[in-house]
Amino acid sequence: MSVEVLQAMTEMFTFTAVVKKEGDWYVSSCLELDISSQGETIEDAVSNLKKEVELYIERGGLALPIKRPFLTTFKVSGKGS
């Protein structure tokens, strides 16, 4: 197949990532697919997560339509330690 045909067959997807510091590592999680990865920097964690998601899609694990998470914030009262 030509490069043009392969590019026409490729679809782009947008996912949501959350990154948290855990010890010496940054842990990144894709909310839509329940996939996580890690790295020594935020950039490494997101880059590694992107690779994991690409592998997941290549293996046929992506179910359409993609279920988007609903993100919100909330407040609670309490005393900090």
N, C-alpha and C. Protein backbone atom coordinates (compact mmCIF):
# COMPACT_ATOMS: atom_id res chain seq x y z
N MET A 1 0.83 -1.18 0.00
CA MET A 1 0.00 0.00 0.00
C MET A 1 0.88 1.24 0.00
N SER A 2 0.36 2.27 -0.62
CA SER A 2 1.11 3.53 -0.64
C SER A 2 0.98 4.25 0.70
N VAL A 3 1.89 5.17 0.95
CA VAL A 3 1.85 5.95 2.19
C VAL A 3 0.56 6.74 2.29
N GLU A 4 0.07 7.27 1.16
CA GLU A 4 -1.16 8.03 1.16
C GLU A 4 -2.35 7.17 1.58
N VAL A 5 -2.40 5.95 1.11
CA VAL A 5 -3.50 5.05 1.47
C VAL A 5 -3.43 4.72 2.95
N LEU A 6 -2.25 4.43 3.47
CA LEU A 6 -2.10 4.13 4.89
C LEU A 6 -2.48 5.32 5.76
N GLN A 7 -2.09 6.53 5.35
CA GLN A 7 -2.44 7.71 6.11
C GLN A 7 -3.95 7.95 6.09
N ALA A 8 -4.58 7.66 4.98
CA ALA A 8 -6.03 7.84 4.88
C ALA A 8 -6.76 6.85 5.79
N MET A 9 -6.16 5.70 6.06
CA MET A 9 -6.77 4.69 6.91
C MET A 9 -6.53 4.96 8.40
N THR A 10 -5.62 5.85 8.74
CA THR A 10 -5.28 6.15 10.11
C THR A 10 -6.21 7.22 10.66
N GLU A 11 -6.74 6.96 11.84
CA GLU A 11 -7.63 7.92 12.48
C GLU A 11 -6.93 8.47 13.72
N MET A 12 -7.14 9.75 14.01
CA MET A 12 -6.56 10.37 15.19
C MET A 12 -7.59 10.36 16.32
N PHE A 13 -7.14 10.05 17.52
CA PHE A 13 -8.00 10.03 18.70
C PHE A 13 -7.40 10.97 19.75
N THR A 14 -8.25 11.60 20.51
CA THR A 14 -7.81 12.47 21.60
C THR A 14 -8.24 11.83 22.91
N PHE A 15 -7.30 11.70 23.83
CA PHE A 15 -7.57 11.10 25.13
C PHE A 15 -7.21 12.06 26.25
N THR A 16 -7.70 11.76 27.44
CA THR A 16 -7.44 12.57 28.62
C THR A 16 -6.42 11.87 29.50
N ALA A 17 -5.39 12.62 29.93
CA ALA A 17 -4.37 12.05 30.81
C ALA A 17 -4.34 12.82 32.12
N VAL A 18 -4.17 12.10 33.20
CA VAL A 18 -3.95 12.67 34.52
C VAL A 18 -2.55 12.23 34.95
N VAL A 19 -1.77 13.18 35.47
CA VAL A 19 -0.41 12.86 35.91
C VAL A 19 -0.29 13.23 37.38
N LYS A 20 0.21 12.26 38.18
CA LYS A 20 0.41 12.49 39.61
C LYS A 20 1.83 12.10 39.99
N LYS A 21 2.38 12.81 40.93
CA LYS A 21 3.71 12.49 41.46
C LYS A 21 3.54 11.41 42.53
N GLU A 22 4.23 10.29 42.38
CA GLU A 22 4.19 9.21 43.36
C GLU A 22 5.63 8.82 43.68
N GLY A 23 6.11 9.28 44.81
CA GLY A 23 7.51 9.03 45.18
C GLY A 23 8.42 9.78 44.22
N ASP A 24 9.36 9.06 43.62
CA ASP A 24 10.30 9.66 42.67
C ASP A 24 9.77 9.67 41.24
N TRP A 25 8.59 9.10 41.01
CA TRP A 25 8.06 8.92 39.66
C TRP A 25 6.81 9.76 39.43
N TYR A 26 6.57 10.06 38.17
CA TYR A 26 5.30 10.64 37.73
C TYR A 26 4.50 9.51 37.11
N VAL A 27 3.27 9.35 37.54
CA VAL A 27 2.40 8.30 37.02
C VAL A 27 1.31 8.96 36.19
N SER A 28 1.18 8.52 34.95
CA SER A 28 0.18 9.07 34.03
C SER A 28 -0.89 8.01 33.76
N SER A 29 -2.14 8.45 33.71
CA SER A 29 -3.25 7.54 33.48
C SER A 29 -4.17 8.10 32.41
N CYS A 30 -4.58 7.24 31.50
CA CYS A 30 -5.56 7.59 30.47
C CYS A 30 -6.94 7.24 31.02
N LEU A 31 -7.76 8.26 31.24
CA LEU A 31 -9.05 8.04 31.88
C LEU A 31 -10.02 7.23 31.03
N GLU A 32 -9.98 7.40 29.73
CA GLU A 32 -10.92 6.70 28.86
C GLU A 32 -10.64 5.21 28.75
N LEU A 33 -9.37 4.82 28.85
CA LEU A 33 -8.99 3.42 28.59
C LEU A 33 -8.49 2.69 29.82
N ASP A 34 -8.39 3.35 30.96
CA ASP A 34 -7.88 2.73 32.18
C ASP A 34 -6.50 2.11 31.95
N ILE A 35 -5.62 2.89 31.33
CA ILE A 35 -4.23 2.48 31.06
C ILE A 35 -3.33 3.48 31.77
N SER A 36 -2.26 2.99 32.39
CA SER A 36 -1.32 3.86 33.09
C SER A 36 0.11 3.56 32.69
N SER A 37 0.98 4.54 32.92
CA SER A 37 2.40 4.39 32.68
C SER A 37 3.12 5.32 33.66
N GLN A 38 4.44 5.38 33.56
CA GLN A 38 5.19 6.24 34.46
C GLN A 38 6.45 6.74 33.80
N GLY A 39 7.08 7.72 34.43
CA GLY A 39 8.34 8.26 33.93
C GLY A 39 8.98 9.12 35.00
N GLU A 40 10.24 9.44 34.78
CA GLU A 40 10.98 10.25 35.75
C GLU A 40 10.58 11.73 35.68
N THR A 41 9.99 12.15 34.56
CA THR A 41 9.49 13.51 34.39
C THR A 41 8.04 13.43 33.91
N ILE A 42 7.35 14.56 33.99
CA ILE A 42 5.97 14.59 33.47
C ILE A 42 5.96 14.26 31.98
N GLU A 43 6.90 14.82 31.25
CA GLU A 43 6.99 14.57 29.81
C GLU A 43 7.22 13.10 29.51
N ASP A 44 8.11 12.46 30.27
CA ASP A 44 8.37 11.02 30.08
C ASP A 44 7.13 10.20 30.40
N ALA A 45 6.43 10.55 31.46
CA ALA A 45 5.24 9.81 31.85
C ALA A 45 4.16 9.88 30.76
N VAL A 46 3.95 11.07 30.21
CA VAL A 46 2.94 11.23 29.15
C VAL A 46 3.39 10.54 27.86
N SER A 47 4.67 10.67 27.53
CA SER A 47 5.20 10.00 26.32
C SER A 47 5.05 8.49 26.44
N ASN A 48 5.38 7.94 27.60
CA ASN A 48 5.24 6.49 27.81
C ASN A 48 3.78 6.06 27.76
N LEU A 49 2.89 6.89 28.30
CA LEU A 49 1.46 6.58 28.24
C LEU A 49 0.98 6.58 26.79
N LYS A 50 1.43 7.53 26.01
CA LYS A 50 1.04 7.60 24.61
C LYS A 50 1.45 6.31 23.87
N LYS A 51 2.66 5.83 24.15
CA LYS A 51 3.12 4.58 23.53
C LYS A 51 2.25 3.40 23.94
N GLU A 52 1.87 3.34 25.21
CA GLU A 52 1.02 2.25 25.70
C GLU A 52 -0.36 2.30 25.04
N VAL A 53 -0.91 3.49 24.89
CA VAL A 53 -2.22 3.63 24.25
C VAL A 53 -2.13 3.24 22.77
N GLU A 54 -1.06 3.64 22.08
CA GLU A 54 -0.88 3.26 20.68
C GLU A 54 -0.80 1.74 20.53
N LEU A 55 -0.09 1.06 21.44
CA LEU A 55 -0.02 -0.40 21.41
C LEU A 55 -1.40 -1.02 21.64
N TYR A 56 -2.13 -0.46 22.57
CA TYR A 56 -3.47 -0.94 22.87
C TYR A 56 -4.37 -0.85 21.64
N ILE A 57 -4.30 0.29 20.94
CA ILE A 57 -5.11 0.47 19.73
C ILE A 57 -4.67 -0.49 18.63
N GLU A 58 -3.34 -0.64 18.45
CA GLU A 58 -2.82 -1.56 17.42
C GLU A 58 -3.30 -2.99 17.66
N ARG A 59 -3.45 -3.38 18.91
CA ARG A 59 -3.88 -4.75 19.25
C ARG A 59 -5.39 -4.92 19.14
N GLY A 60 -6.08 -3.86 18.72
CA GLY A 60 -7.52 -3.95 18.52
C GLY A 60 -8.33 -3.78 19.78
N GLY A 61 -7.76 -3.15 20.81
CA GLY A 61 -8.47 -3.02 22.07
C GLY A 61 -9.40 -1.83 22.16
N LEU A 62 -9.41 -0.97 21.16
CA LEU A 62 -10.20 0.26 21.22
C LEU A 62 -11.64 0.00 20.78
N ALA A 63 -12.58 0.27 21.69
CA ALA A 63 -14.00 0.12 21.37
C ALA A 63 -14.57 1.50 21.11
N LEU A 64 -15.27 1.63 20.00
CA LEU A 64 -15.91 2.90 19.66
C LEU A 64 -17.39 2.83 19.97
N PRO A 65 -18.05 3.88 20.34
CA PRO A 65 -17.47 5.21 20.56
C PRO A 65 -16.68 5.25 21.86
N ILE A 66 -15.75 6.17 21.94
CA ILE A 66 -14.94 6.34 23.14
C ILE A 66 -15.80 7.02 24.20
N LYS A 67 -15.83 6.44 25.38
CA LYS A 67 -16.62 7.02 26.47
C LYS A 67 -15.76 8.06 27.19
N ARG A 68 -16.20 9.30 27.11
CA ARG A 68 -15.47 10.42 27.71
C ARG A 68 -15.81 10.54 29.18
N PRO A 69 -14.79 10.77 30.01
CA PRO A 69 -15.08 10.98 31.43
C PRO A 69 -15.67 12.37 31.66
N PHE A 70 -16.42 12.50 32.71
CA PHE A 70 -16.92 13.80 33.13
C PHE A 70 -16.02 14.26 34.26
N LEU A 71 -15.34 15.38 34.08
CA LEU A 71 -14.42 15.89 35.08
C LEU A 71 -15.05 17.08 35.78
N THR A 72 -14.91 17.12 37.09
CA THR A 72 -15.42 18.23 37.87
C THR A 72 -14.53 18.41 39.09
N THR A 73 -14.76 19.48 39.80
CA THR A 73 -14.06 19.71 41.07
C THR A 73 -15.11 19.89 42.16
N PHE A 74 -14.70 19.70 43.39
CA PHE A 74 -15.60 19.92 44.52
C PHE A 74 -14.78 20.33 45.72
N LYS A 75 -15.44 20.93 46.71
CA LYS A 75 -14.78 21.39 47.92
C LYS A 75 -15.32 20.64 49.13
N VAL A 76 -14.45 20.41 50.08
CA VAL A 76 -14.86 19.84 51.36
C VAL A 76 -14.18 20.63 52.47
N SER A 77 -14.75 20.64 53.62
CA SER A 77 -14.11 21.33 54.73
C SER A 77 -13.37 20.32 55.61
N GLY A 78 -12.37 20.79 56.27
CA GLY A 78 -11.59 19.93 57.15
C GLY A 78 -10.32 20.64 57.57
N LYS A 79 -9.64 20.06 58.52
CA LYS A 79 -8.39 20.61 58.99
C LYS A 79 -7.23 19.86 58.37
N GLY A 80 -6.26 20.60 57.84
CA GLY A 80 -5.06 19.97 57.29
C GLY A 80 -4.13 19.52 58.41
N SER A 81 -3.30 18.56 58.10
CA SER A 81 -2.38 18.07 59.14
C SER A 81 -1.07 18.79 59.13
